């Protein structure tokens, strides 16, 4: 399995796995198994199996001692970003139907302004820095 189905910004992202929600805490290999795994911390710690430690190696940390699991990337639903959802809902094409307005606006028949977009992006960047891609 390749990392092609894993977004570049997967660490710290929220996912849906079946009907359960979780946060991605680790992306990488988990020897001796092959392929890429996502280490997730479940919203419901009863869903988990461990604290991010597998066979003596700690890959990530959880708040609850049994709140974490490893899942394959194809089981994770990362959702759809706002712009993609709007384009899909209204049948819009990229540049044909959507024009860039000012810094945080898009125009497609109506003007949509992303208020506070810069602060949200900054919060996401700083929250992702606290997690690791390599075992800790």
Protein backbone atom coordinates (compact mmCIF):
# COMPACT_ATOMS: atom_id res chain seq x y z
CA UNK A 1 0.00 0.00 0.00
CA UNK A 2 1.35 3.43 -0.88
CA UNK A 3 0.91 6.79 0.75
CA UNK A 4 -1.09 7.96 -2.30
CA UNK A 5 -4.41 7.71 -0.42
CA UNK A 6 -3.01 9.60 2.60
CA UNK A 7 -3.22 13.40 2.42
CA UNK A 8 0.09 15.21 2.92
CA UNK A 9 -1.40 16.98 5.94
CA UNK A 10 -2.85 13.82 7.53
CA UNK A 11 -1.20 14.28 10.95
CA UNK A 12 -3.64 15.92 13.32
CA UNK A 13 -6.55 15.58 10.87
CA UNK A 14 -9.93 14.33 11.96
CA UNK A 15 -11.22 11.18 10.27
CA UNK A 16 -14.30 9.04 10.15
CA UNK A 17 -13.85 5.25 10.23
CA UNK A 18 -17.20 3.58 9.81
CA UNK A 19 -19.32 5.47 12.32
CA UNK A 20 -16.46 6.32 14.71
CA UNK A 21 -14.43 9.54 14.75
CA UNK A 22 -10.73 9.81 15.51
CA UNK A 23 -7.66 12.02 15.14
CA UNK A 24 -4.63 10.86 13.14
CA UNK A 25 -1.56 10.79 15.41
CA UNK A 26 0.89 8.75 13.28
CA UNK A 27 1.46 7.92 9.60
CA UNK A 28 4.01 5.32 8.64
CA UNK A 29 5.14 1.74 8.87
CA UNK A 30 4.63 -0.54 11.86
CA UNK A 31 7.15 -3.40 11.63
CA UNK A 32 6.96 -6.30 11.14
CA UNK A 33 3.80 -5.64 9.09
CA UNK A 34 4.04 -4.34 5.54
CA UNK A 35 2.64 -1.10 4.22
CA UNK A 36 1.50 2.20 5.65
CA UNK A 37 -0.63 2.51 8.79
CA UNK A 38 -2.46 5.36 10.45
CA UNK A 39 -2.15 5.56 14.21
CA UNK A 40 -5.40 7.06 15.45
CA UNK A 41 -6.72 8.30 18.77
CA UNK A 42 -10.44 7.53 18.98
CA UNK A 43 -12.96 10.01 20.34
CA UNK A 44 -14.46 7.05 22.20
CA UNK A 45 -11.50 5.45 23.99
CA UNK A 46 -13.47 2.19 24.36
CA UNK A 47 -12.97 1.75 20.60
CA UNK A 48 -9.18 1.60 20.96
CA UNK A 49 -6.77 -1.21 21.76
CA UNK A 50 -3.64 0.48 23.09
CA UNK A 51 -1.93 3.80 23.92
CA UNK A 52 0.04 4.10 20.67
CA UNK A 53 2.61 1.46 21.66
CA UNK A 54 3.03 -1.68 19.60
CA UNK A 55 5.47 -4.48 20.47
CA UNK A 56 7.44 -2.20 22.78
CA UNK A 57 7.73 0.78 20.41
CA UNK A 58 5.72 3.90 21.09
CA UNK A 59 4.52 5.36 17.77
CA UNK A 60 2.20 8.00 19.22
CA UNK A 61 0.60 9.04 22.50
CA UNK A 62 -3.03 8.95 23.62
CA UNK A 63 -4.80 10.60 26.51
CA UNK A 64 -6.43 7.28 27.41
CA UNK A 65 -4.34 4.10 27.91
CA UNK A 66 -6.54 2.17 25.48
CA UNK A 67 -7.67 5.01 23.20
CA UNK A 68 -5.50 4.24 20.17
CA UNK A 69 -5.44 1.86 17.22
CA UNK A 70 -3.68 1.35 13.92
CA UNK A 71 -5.86 1.31 10.82
CA UNK A 72 -5.13 1.07 7.12
CA UNK A 73 -5.48 4.37 5.21
CA UNK A 74 -8.26 3.00 3.01
CA UNK A 75 -10.46 2.67 6.13
CA UNK A 76 -10.12 6.40 6.93
CA UNK A 77 -12.50 8.97 5.50
CA UNK A 78 -10.76 12.35 5.53
CA UNK A 79 -13.86 14.13 4.28
CA UNK A 80 -14.13 16.83 1.66
CA UNK A 81 -12.89 20.40 1.98
CA UNK A 82 -15.41 23.23 1.84
CA UNK A 83 -14.59 24.42 -1.68
CA UNK A 84 -14.78 20.90 -3.15
CA UNK A 85 -18.15 20.37 -1.43
CA UNK A 86 -19.55 23.64 -2.82
CA UNK A 87 -18.28 22.84 -6.32
CA UNK A 88 -19.81 19.37 -6.16
CA UNK A 89 -23.12 20.60 -4.74
CA UNK A 90 -23.60 23.28 -7.41
CA UNK A 91 -21.92 21.46 -10.32
CA UNK A 92 -19.17 24.04 -10.71
CA UNK A 93 -15.95 23.67 -12.69
CA UNK A 94 -12.64 24.92 -11.33
CA UNK A 95 -11.69 28.07 -13.23
CA UNK A 96 -14.67 28.22 -15.53
CA UNK A 97 -17.28 28.84 -12.82
CA UNK A 98 -15.21 29.93 -9.81
CA UNK A 99 -13.28 33.19 -9.81
CA UNK A 100 -10.96 34.44 -7.13
CA UNK A 101 -12.08 37.63 -5.46
CA UNK A 102 -10.09 39.39 -2.78
CA UNK A 103 -7.67 37.50 -0.50
CA UNK A 104 -10.20 35.24 1.29
CA UNK A 105 -13.13 35.30 -1.14
CA UNK A 106 -14.39 33.25 -4.04
CA UNK A 107 -17.09 34.31 -6.47
CA UNK A 108 -19.44 31.81 -8.14
CA UNK A 109 -22.69 33.61 -8.73
CA UNK A 110 -22.56 34.71 -5.09
CA UNK A 111 -19.53 35.90 -3.12
CA UNK A 112 -18.30 33.61 -0.35
CA UNK A 113 -15.90 35.06 2.18
CA UNK A 114 -13.80 32.85 4.44
CA UNK A 115 -13.71 34.90 7.63
CA UNK A 116 -10.82 34.02 9.92
CA UNK A 117 -9.23 31.65 7.39
CA UNK A 118 -5.70 32.81 8.27
CA UNK A 119 -6.15 32.12 11.99
CA UNK A 120 -7.66 28.68 11.29
CA UNK A 121 -4.74 27.75 9.03
CA UNK A 122 -2.26 28.92 11.69
CA UNK A 123 -4.00 26.87 14.40
CA UNK A 124 -3.87 23.78 12.19
CA UNK A 125 -0.16 24.28 11.48
CA UNK A 126 0.76 24.66 15.15
CA UNK A 127 -1.40 21.77 16.36
CA UNK A 128 0.19 19.43 13.82
CA UNK A 129 3.71 20.30 15.01
CA UNK A 130 3.13 18.48 18.30
CA UNK A 131 2.86 15.06 16.63
CA UNK A 132 5.56 12.94 15.09
CA UNK A 133 5.97 10.82 11.96
CA UNK A 134 8.69 8.72 13.59
CA UNK A 135 8.32 6.65 16.76
CA UNK A 136 8.95 8.72 19.91
